[in-house]
Amino acid sequence: MRPIDMMKITLNLVIVYVMGGLLIAFVYSKASPVMYRKAQEEKQAALKTMTPEADIIDKLGDWEPHEKHAEYYIAKKCGELKVEMVKDEKTGEEREVKRCLNETEIGYIVESYGKGYSSYINVLVAVDKEYVVQKVNVLHHAETPGLGDEIERDYFLNQFAGKTVEHLVVVKKETKEDIQAITGATISSRAVTEDAVKNAVLMIKGTAQEGSTGHQG
């Protein structure tokens, strides 16, 4: 093959790759804001299920359990809730903005991670103002099917309601005070209870008492 032919082939390949890259970048630039808004809507919906009585859930800060990015929030009840429609400067779309008047803080929601048997377990933890657990929800994990994945079941998660940090302890026998381990999945049970949930409660308790709303490492 002549050098001129090789140059033509190379040039054509470069053009194809550049055009493909530009096309991908264009599609991503258009889809990214939509994906971001969708993710934010889904997150807000998940947070709302954690503290359904809250009118407003505001982000307080970030922290890094197991060096993974996680967020924590404060839940508020409004004496009066005003809803206004505001136009987004970038998209031109109108969206609801809630203004909370005479607000009362009713609790916190913390995203956390626990190191399980075969994965890091991502959870949300809701606590009241006294740092008593109200609800725990498992967002994501890759634990063993039929064993570790039982952490998603209501019979396990319902045990957390009303527990203080002192009782976030896994035991292998029937209990009302602590958390009963899932049969055959003690490691997964402890990852949720003694790692993800307990550390979330300790973190938010320390942060709130210090009056800090910044980054927690």
C-alpha atoms as a PDB file:
ATOM      1  CA  MET A   1       0.000   0.000   0.000  1.00  0.00           C
ATOM      2  CA  ARG A   2       1.299   3.416  -1.000  1.00  0.00           C
ATOM      3  CA  PRO A   3       2.136   5.955   1.741  1.00  0.00           C
ATOM      4  CA  ILE A   4      -0.478   8.345   0.314  1.00  0.00           C
ATOM      5  CA  ASP A   5      -3.160   5.656   0.745  1.00  0.00           C
ATOM      6  CA  MET A   6      -2.075   5.030   4.334  1.00  0.00           C
ATOM      7  CA  MET A   7      -2.322   8.744   5.054  1.00  0.00           C
ATOM      8  CA  LYS A   8      -5.837   8.889   3.575  1.00  0.00           C
ATOM      9  CA  ILE A   9      -6.993   5.936   5.696  1.00  0.00           C
ATOM     10  CA  THR A  10      -5.459   7.444   8.825  1.00  0.00           C
ATOM     11  CA  LEU A  11      -7.026  10.829   8.118  1.00  0.00           C
ATOM     12  CA  ASN A  12     -10.434   9.249   7.558  1.00  0.00           C
ATOM     13  CA  LEU A  13     -10.184   7.338  10.838  1.00  0.00           C
ATOM     14  CA  VAL A  14      -9.205  10.487  12.707  1.00  0.00           C
ATOM     15  CA  ILE A  15     -12.181  12.347  11.230  1.00  0.00           C
ATOM     16  CA  VAL A  16     -14.546   9.513  12.185  1.00  0.00           C
ATOM     17  CA  TYR A  17     -13.231   9.405  15.771  1.00  0.00           C
ATOM     18  CA  VAL A  18     -13.388  13.189  16.161  1.00  0.00           C
ATOM     19  CA  MET A  19     -16.915  13.378  14.755  1.00  0.00           C
ATOM     20  CA  GLY A  20     -17.995  10.501  16.996  1.00  0.00           C
ATOM     21  CA  GLY A  21     -16.515  12.210  20.036  1.00  0.00           C
ATOM     22  CA  LEU A  22     -18.234  15.482  19.188  1.00  0.00           C
ATOM     23  CA  LEU A  23     -21.558  13.679  18.697  1.00  0.00           C
ATOM     24  CA  ILE A  24     -21.258  11.925  22.052  1.00  0.00           C
ATOM     25  CA  ALA A  25     -20.337  15.204  23.757  1.00  0.00           C
ATOM     26  CA  PHE A  26     -23.331  16.944  22.143  1.00  0.00           C
ATOM     27  CA  VAL A  27     -25.769  14.212  23.214  1.00  0.00           C
ATOM     28  CA  TYR A  28     -24.336  14.187  26.762  1.00  0.00           C
ATOM     29  CA  SER A  29     -24.583  17.989  27.038  1.00  0.00           C
ATOM     30  CA  LYS A  30     -28.278  17.779  26.155  1.00  0.00           C
ATOM     31  CA  ALA A  31     -29.078  14.717  28.265  1.00  0.00           C
ATOM     32  CA  SER A  32     -26.986  15.594  31.332  1.00  0.00           C
ATOM     33  CA  PRO A  33     -29.275  18.338  32.755  1.00  0.00           C
ATOM     34  CA  VAL A  34     -32.306  16.092  32.282  1.00  0.00           C
ATOM     35  CA  MET A  35     -30.551  13.172  33.961  1.00  0.00           C
ATOM     36  CA  TYR A  36     -29.425  15.411  36.816  1.00  0.00           C
ATOM     37  CA  ARG A  37     -32.933  16.729  37.432  1.00  0.00           C
ATOM     38  CA  LYS A  38     -34.324  13.196  37.273  1.00  0.00           C
ATOM     39  CA  ALA A  39     -31.745  11.962  39.800  1.00  0.00           C
ATOM     40  CA  GLN A  40     -32.539  14.872  42.107  1.00  0.00           C
ATOM     41  CA  GLU A  41     -36.263  14.174  41.869  1.00  0.00           C
ATOM     42  CA  GLU A  42     -35.711  10.493  42.690  1.00  0.00           C
ATOM     43  CA  LYS A  43     -33.476  11.390  45.627  1.00  0.00           C
ATOM     44  CA  GLN A  44     -36.027  13.840  47.004  1.00  0.00           C
ATOM     45  CA  ALA A  45     -38.729  11.188  46.668  1.00  0.00           C
ATOM     46  CA  ALA A  46     -36.567   8.682  48.572  1.00  0.00           C
ATOM     47  CA  LEU A  47     -35.836  11.259  51.281  1.00  0.00           C
ATOM     48  CA  LYS A  48     -39.529  12.082  51.595  1.00  0.00           C
ATOM     49  CA  THR A  49     -40.356   8.438  52.348  1.00  0.00           C
ATOM     50  CA  MET A  50     -37.862   8.531  55.215  1.00  0.00           C
ATOM     51  CA  THR A  51     -39.637  11.405  57.017  1.00  0.00           C
ATOM     52  CA  PRO A  52     -43.081  11.766  55.417  1.00  0.00           C
ATOM     53  CA  GLU A  53     -44.246  14.327  57.985  1.00  0.00           C
ATOM     54  CA  ALA A  54     -41.521  16.778  56.896  1.00  0.00           C
ATOM     55  CA  ASP A  55     -42.473  19.695  54.644  1.00  0.00           C
ATOM     56  CA  ILE A  56     -38.886  20.612  53.759  1.00  0.00           C
ATOM     57  CA  ILE A  57     -35.724  18.486  53.582  1.00  0.00           C
ATOM     58  CA  ASP A  58     -32.541  20.539  53.202  1.00  0.00           C
ATOM     59  CA  LYS A  59     -29.036  19.269  52.631  1.00  0.00           C
ATOM     60  CA  LEU A  60     -26.697  20.039  55.533  1.00  0.00           C
ATOM     61  CA  GLY A  61     -23.413  18.628  54.300  1.00  0.00           C
ATOM     62  CA  ASP A  62     -21.250  15.762  53.074  1.00  0.00           C
ATOM     63  CA  TRP A  63     -19.225  13.035  54.723  1.00  0.00           C
ATOM     64  CA  GLU A  64     -17.219   9.993  53.576  1.00  0.00           C
ATOM     65  CA  PRO A  65     -18.016   6.666  55.258  1.00  0.00           C
ATOM     66  CA  HIS A  66     -15.543   4.110  53.885  1.00  0.00           C
ATOM     67  CA  GLU A  67     -14.190   6.909  51.640  1.00  0.00           C
ATOM     68  CA  LYS A  68     -17.479   7.010  49.730  1.00  0.00           C
ATOM     69  CA  HIS A  69     -19.326  10.261  49.156  1.00  0.00           C
ATOM     70  CA  ALA A  70     -22.541  10.546  51.168  1.00  0.00           C
ATOM     71  CA  GLU A  71     -24.859  13.368  52.186  1.00  0.00           C
ATOM     72  CA  TYR A  72     -26.889  14.296  55.234  1.00  0.00           C
ATOM     73  CA  TYR A  73     -30.027  16.387  55.585  1.00  0.00           C
ATOM     74  CA  ILE A  74     -32.266  18.155  58.057  1.00  0.00           C
ATOM     75  CA  ALA A  75     -36.040  17.639  58.007  1.00  0.00           C
ATOM     76  CA  LYS A  76     -38.339  20.551  58.884  1.00  0.00           C
ATOM     77  CA  LYS A  77     -42.012  21.001  59.611  1.00  0.00           C
ATOM     78  CA  CYS A  78     -43.448  24.334  58.529  1.00  0.00           C
ATOM     79  CA  GLY A  79     -45.894  26.451  60.465  1.00  0.00           C
ATOM     80  CA  GLU A  80     -46.843  27.784  57.046  1.00  0.00           C
ATOM     81  CA  LEU A  81     -45.724  26.451  53.664  1.00  0.00           C
ATOM     82  CA  LYS A  82     -45.758  28.720  50.617  1.00  0.00           C
ATOM     83  CA  VAL A  83     -45.282  27.260  47.156  1.00  0.00           C
ATOM     84  CA  GLU A  84     -44.064  29.534  44.367  1.00  0.00           C
ATOM     85  CA  MET A  85     -43.382  28.843  40.685  1.00  0.00           C
ATOM     86  CA  VAL A  86     -39.921  29.996  39.577  1.00  0.00           C
ATOM     87  CA  LYS A  87     -38.508  29.912  36.043  1.00  0.00           C
ATOM     88  CA  ASP A  88     -35.199  28.089  35.622  1.00  0.00           C
ATOM     89  CA  GLU A  89     -32.741  30.507  33.970  1.00  0.00           C
ATOM     90  CA  LYS A  90     -30.954  27.718  32.073  1.00  0.00           C
ATOM     91  CA  THR A  91     -33.866  25.619  30.835  1.00  0.00           C
ATOM     92  CA  GLY A  92     -36.667  28.156  30.877  1.00  0.00           C
ATOM     93  CA  GLU A  93     -38.869  25.622  32.621  1.00  0.00           C
ATOM     94  CA  GLU A  94     -40.939  26.533  35.649  1.00  0.00           C
ATOM     95  CA  ARG A  95     -40.451  24.597  38.864  1.00  0.00           C
ATOM     96  CA  GLU A  96     -41.931  24.647  42.334  1.00  0.00           C
ATOM     97  CA  VAL A  97     -40.005  26.347  45.123  1.00  0.00           C
ATOM     98  CA  LYS A  98     -41.233  25.828  48.670  1.00  0.00           C
ATOM     99  CA  ARG A  99     -40.797  28.529  51.302  1.00  0.00           C
ATOM    100  CA  CYS A 100     -41.033  27.342  54.876  1.00  0.00           C
ATOM    101  CA  LEU A 101     -42.297  29.886  57.414  1.00  0.00           C
ATOM    102  CA  ASN A 102     -42.089  29.404  61.192  1.00  0.00           C
ATOM    103  CA  GLU A 103     -40.158  26.203  60.657  1.00  0.00           C
ATOM    104  CA  THR A 104     -39.440  23.529  63.279  1.00  0.00           C
ATOM    105  CA  GLU A 105     -36.592  21.051  62.926  1.00  0.00           C
ATOM    106  CA  ILE A 106     -37.947  17.537  63.444  1.00  0.00           C
ATOM    107  CA  GLY A 107     -34.988  15.307  62.613  1.00  0.00           C
ATOM    108  CA  TYR A 108     -32.203  14.284  60.261  1.00  0.00           C
ATOM    109  CA  ILE A 109     -31.647  11.923  57.354  1.00  0.00           C
ATOM    110  CA  VAL A 110     -28.178  10.492  56.767  1.00  0.00           C
ATOM    111  CA  GLU A 111     -26.856   8.542  53.811  1.00  0.00           C
ATOM    112  CA  SER A 112     -24.298   5.955  54.901  1.00  0.00           C
ATOM    113  CA  TYR A 113     -22.320   2.863  53.869  1.00  0.00           C
ATOM    114  CA  GLY A 114     -21.458  -0.381  55.631  1.00  0.00           C
ATOM    115  CA  LYS A 115     -18.877  -2.958  54.555  1.00  0.00           C
ATOM    116  CA  GLY A 116     -20.813  -6.177  53.979  1.00  0.00           C
ATOM    117  CA  TYR A 117     -19.868  -9.732  53.040  1.00  0.00           C
ATOM    118  CA  SER A 118     -19.526  -9.081  49.306  1.00  0.00           C
ATOM    119  CA  SER A 119     -20.331  -5.379  48.848  1.00  0.00           C
ATOM    120  CA  TYR A 120     -20.613  -1.972  50.415  1.00  0.00           C
ATOM    121  CA  ILE A 121     -24.201  -1.511  51.558  1.00  0.00           C
ATOM    122  CA  ASN A 122     -25.689   1.939  50.863  1.00  0.00           C
ATOM    123  CA  VAL A 123     -28.459   3.016  53.267  1.00  0.00           C
ATOM    124  CA  LEU A 124     -30.552   5.978  54.353  1.00  0.00           C
ATOM    125  CA  VAL A 125     -31.124   6.499  58.089  1.00  0.00           C
ATOM    126  CA  ALA A 126     -33.786   8.791  59.543  1.00  0.00           C
ATOM    127  CA  VAL A 127     -33.506   9.935  63.177  1.00  0.00           C
ATOM    128  CA  ASP A 128     -35.543  12.353  65.274  1.00  0.00           C
ATOM    129  CA  LYS A 129     -34.166  15.309  67.231  1.00  0.00           C
ATOM    130  CA  GLU A 130     -33.180  12.996  70.064  1.00  0.00           C
ATOM    131  CA  TYR A 131     -31.175  10.851  67.601  1.00  0.00           C
ATOM    132  CA  VAL A 132     -33.552   7.909  67.957  1.00  0.00           C
ATOM    133  CA  VAL A 133     -33.775   5.905  64.731  1.00  0.00           C
ATOM    134  CA  GLN A 134     -37.112   6.254  62.960  1.00  0.00           C
ATOM    135  CA  LYS A 135     -36.486   4.367  59.744  1.00  0.00           C
ATOM    136  CA  VAL A 136     -33.754   2.614  57.750  1.00  0.00           C
ATOM    137  CA  ASN A 137     -33.868   2.009  54.007  1.00  0.00           C
ATOM    138  CA  VAL A 138     -31.361  -0.008  51.946  1.00  0.00           C
ATOM    139  CA  LEU A 139     -30.607   1.820  48.692  1.00  0.00           C
ATOM    140  CA  HIS A 140     -28.062  -0.483  47.066  1.00  0.00           C
ATOM    141  CA  HIS A 141     -25.995  -3.591  47.772  1.00  0.00           C
ATOM    142  CA  ALA A 142     -24.640  -6.751  46.148  1.00  0.00           C
ATOM    143  CA  GLU A 143     -24.932  -9.198  49.048  1.00  0.00           C
ATOM    144  CA  THR A 144     -25.505 -12.936  48.570  1.00  0.00           C
ATOM    145  CA  PRO A 145     -28.951 -13.757  47.129  1.00  0.00           C
ATOM    146  CA  GLY A 146     -31.080 -15.709  49.595  1.00  0.00           C
ATOM    147  CA  LEU A 147     -28.878 -14.763  52.542  1.00  0.00           C
ATOM    148  CA  GLY A 148     -27.366 -11.290  52.718  1.00  0.00           C
ATOM    149  CA  ASP A 149     -30.014  -9.766  50.517  1.00  0.00           C
ATOM    150  CA  GLU A 150     -32.502 -10.347  53.347  1.00  0.00           C
ATOM    151  CA  ILE A 151     -31.281  -6.991  54.704  1.00  0.00           C
ATOM    152  CA  GLU A 152     -33.879  -5.445  52.378  1.00  0.00           C
ATOM    153  CA  ARG A 153     -36.773  -7.250  54.080  1.00  0.00           C
ATOM    154  CA  ASP A 154     -39.197  -5.469  56.371  1.00  0.00           C
ATOM    155  CA  TYR A 155     -38.779  -8.051  59.147  1.00  0.00           C
ATOM    156  CA  PHE A 156     -35.141  -6.964  59.452  1.00  0.00           C
ATOM    157  CA  LEU A 157     -35.458  -3.218  58.785  1.00  0.00           C
ATOM    158  CA  ASN A 158     -38.494  -2.733  61.038  1.00  0.00           C
ATOM    159  CA  GLN A 159     -36.335  -3.638  64.041  1.00  0.00           C
ATOM    160  CA  PHE A 160     -34.526  -0.286  63.816  1.00  0.00           C
ATOM    161  CA  ALA A 161     -37.507   1.932  64.614  1.00  0.00           C
ATOM    162  CA  GLY A 162     -37.157   3.372  68.117  1.00  0.00           C
ATOM    163  CA  LYS A 163     -33.566   2.232  68.644  1.00  0.00           C
ATOM    164  CA  THR A 164     -30.990   4.500  70.274  1.00  0.00           C
ATOM    165  CA  VAL A 165     -27.322   4.243  69.344  1.00  0.00           C
ATOM    166  CA  GLU A 166     -26.624   2.034  72.388  1.00  0.00           C
ATOM    167  CA  HIS A 167     -28.953  -0.647  71.010  1.00  0.00           C
ATOM    168  CA  LEU A 168     -27.588  -0.703  67.473  1.00  0.00           C
ATOM    169  CA  VAL A 169     -25.961  -4.031  68.240  1.00  0.00           C
ATOM    170  CA  VAL A 170     -26.495  -7.330  66.431  1.00  0.00           C
ATOM    171  CA  VAL A 171     -27.273 -10.456  68.461  1.00  0.00           C
ATOM    172  CA  LYS A 172     -27.985 -13.981  67.237  1.00  0.00           C
ATOM    173  CA  LYS A 173     -30.943 -14.611  69.509  1.00  0.00           C
ATOM    174  CA  GLU A 174     -34.471 -13.242  69.578  1.00  0.00           C
ATOM    175  CA  THR A 175     -34.461  -9.735  71.011  1.00  0.00           C
ATOM    176  CA  LYS A 176     -36.606  -6.649  71.406  1.00  0.00           C
ATOM    177  CA  GLU A 177     -33.863  -4.364  72.706  1.00  0.00           C
ATOM    178  CA  ASP A 178     -31.181  -4.890  70.061  1.00  0.00           C
ATOM    179  CA  ILE A 179     -31.118  -6.074  66.420  1.00  0.00           C
ATOM    180  CA  GLN A 180     -31.560  -9.771  65.693  1.00  0.00           C
ATOM    181  CA  ALA A 181     -29.160 -11.084  63.046  1.00  0.00           C
ATOM    182  CA  ILE A 182     -30.438 -12.590  59.832  1.00  0.00           C
ATOM    183  CA  THR A 183     -29.871 -16.349  59.958  1.00  0.00           C
ATOM    184  CA  GLY A 184     -26.790 -17.201  57.918  1.00  0.00           C
ATOM    185  CA  ALA A 185     -26.004 -13.542  57.223  1.00  0.00           C
ATOM    186  CA  THR A 186     -24.485 -12.137  60.406  1.00  0.00           C
ATOM    187  CA  ILE A 187     -21.832 -10.182  58.508  1.00  0.00           C
ATOM    188  CA  SER A 188     -24.438  -8.413  56.365  1.00  0.00           C
ATOM    189  CA  SER A 189     -26.570  -7.763  59.443  1.00  0.00           C
ATOM    190  CA  ARG A 190     -23.654  -6.175  61.266  1.00  0.00           C
ATOM    191  CA  ALA A 191     -22.639  -4.159  58.191  1.00  0.00           C
ATOM    192  CA  VAL A 192     -26.037  -2.470  58.194  1.00  0.00           C
ATOM    193  CA  THR A 193     -26.463  -2.171  61.963  1.00  0.00           C
ATOM    194  CA  GLU A 194     -23.077  -1.626  63.567  1.00  0.00           C
ATOM    195  CA  ASP A 195     -21.359  -0.005  60.607  1.00  0.00           C
ATOM    196  CA  ALA A 196     -23.739   1.951  58.351  1.00  0.00           C
ATOM    197  CA  VAL A 197     -26.561   2.870  60.740  1.00  0.00           C
ATOM    198  CA  LYS A 198     -24.617   3.259  63.985  1.00  0.00           C
ATOM    199  CA  ASN A 199     -21.899   5.384  62.403  1.00  0.00           C
ATOM    200  CA  ALA A 200     -24.537   7.535  60.706  1.00  0.00           C
ATOM    201  CA  VAL A 201     -26.221   8.231  64.040  1.00  0.00           C
ATOM    202  CA  LEU A 202     -22.911   8.980  65.758  1.00  0.00           C
ATOM    203  CA  MET A 203     -21.868  11.301  62.934  1.00  0.00           C
ATOM    204  CA  ILE A 204     -25.061  13.347  62.834  1.00  0.00           C
ATOM    205  CA  LYS A 205     -25.242  13.511  66.631  1.00  0.00           C
ATOM    206  CA  GLY A 206     -21.713  14.873  66.840  1.00  0.00           C
ATOM    207  CA  THR A 207     -22.207  17.259  63.919  1.00  0.00           C
ATOM    208  CA  ALA A 208     -25.505  18.643  65.211  1.00  0.00           C
ATOM    209  CA  GLN A 209     -24.203  19.116  68.739  1.00  0.00           C
ATOM    210  CA  GLU A 210     -21.184  20.991  67.430  1.00  0.00           C
ATOM    211  CA  GLY A 211     -23.493  23.199  65.374  1.00  0.00           C
ATOM    212  CA  SER A 212     -21.538  22.325  62.221  1.00  0.00           C
ATOM    213  CA  THR A 213     -23.066  22.134  58.749  1.00  0.00           C
ATOM    214  CA  GLY A 214     -19.835  21.727  56.791  1.00  0.00           C
ATOM    215  CA  HIS A 215     -17.937  18.818  55.373  1.00  0.00           C
ATOM    216  CA  GLN A 216     -17.256  15.779  57.545  1.00  0.00           C
ATOM    217  CA  GLY A 217     -14.391  13.538  56.529  1.00  0.00           C
END
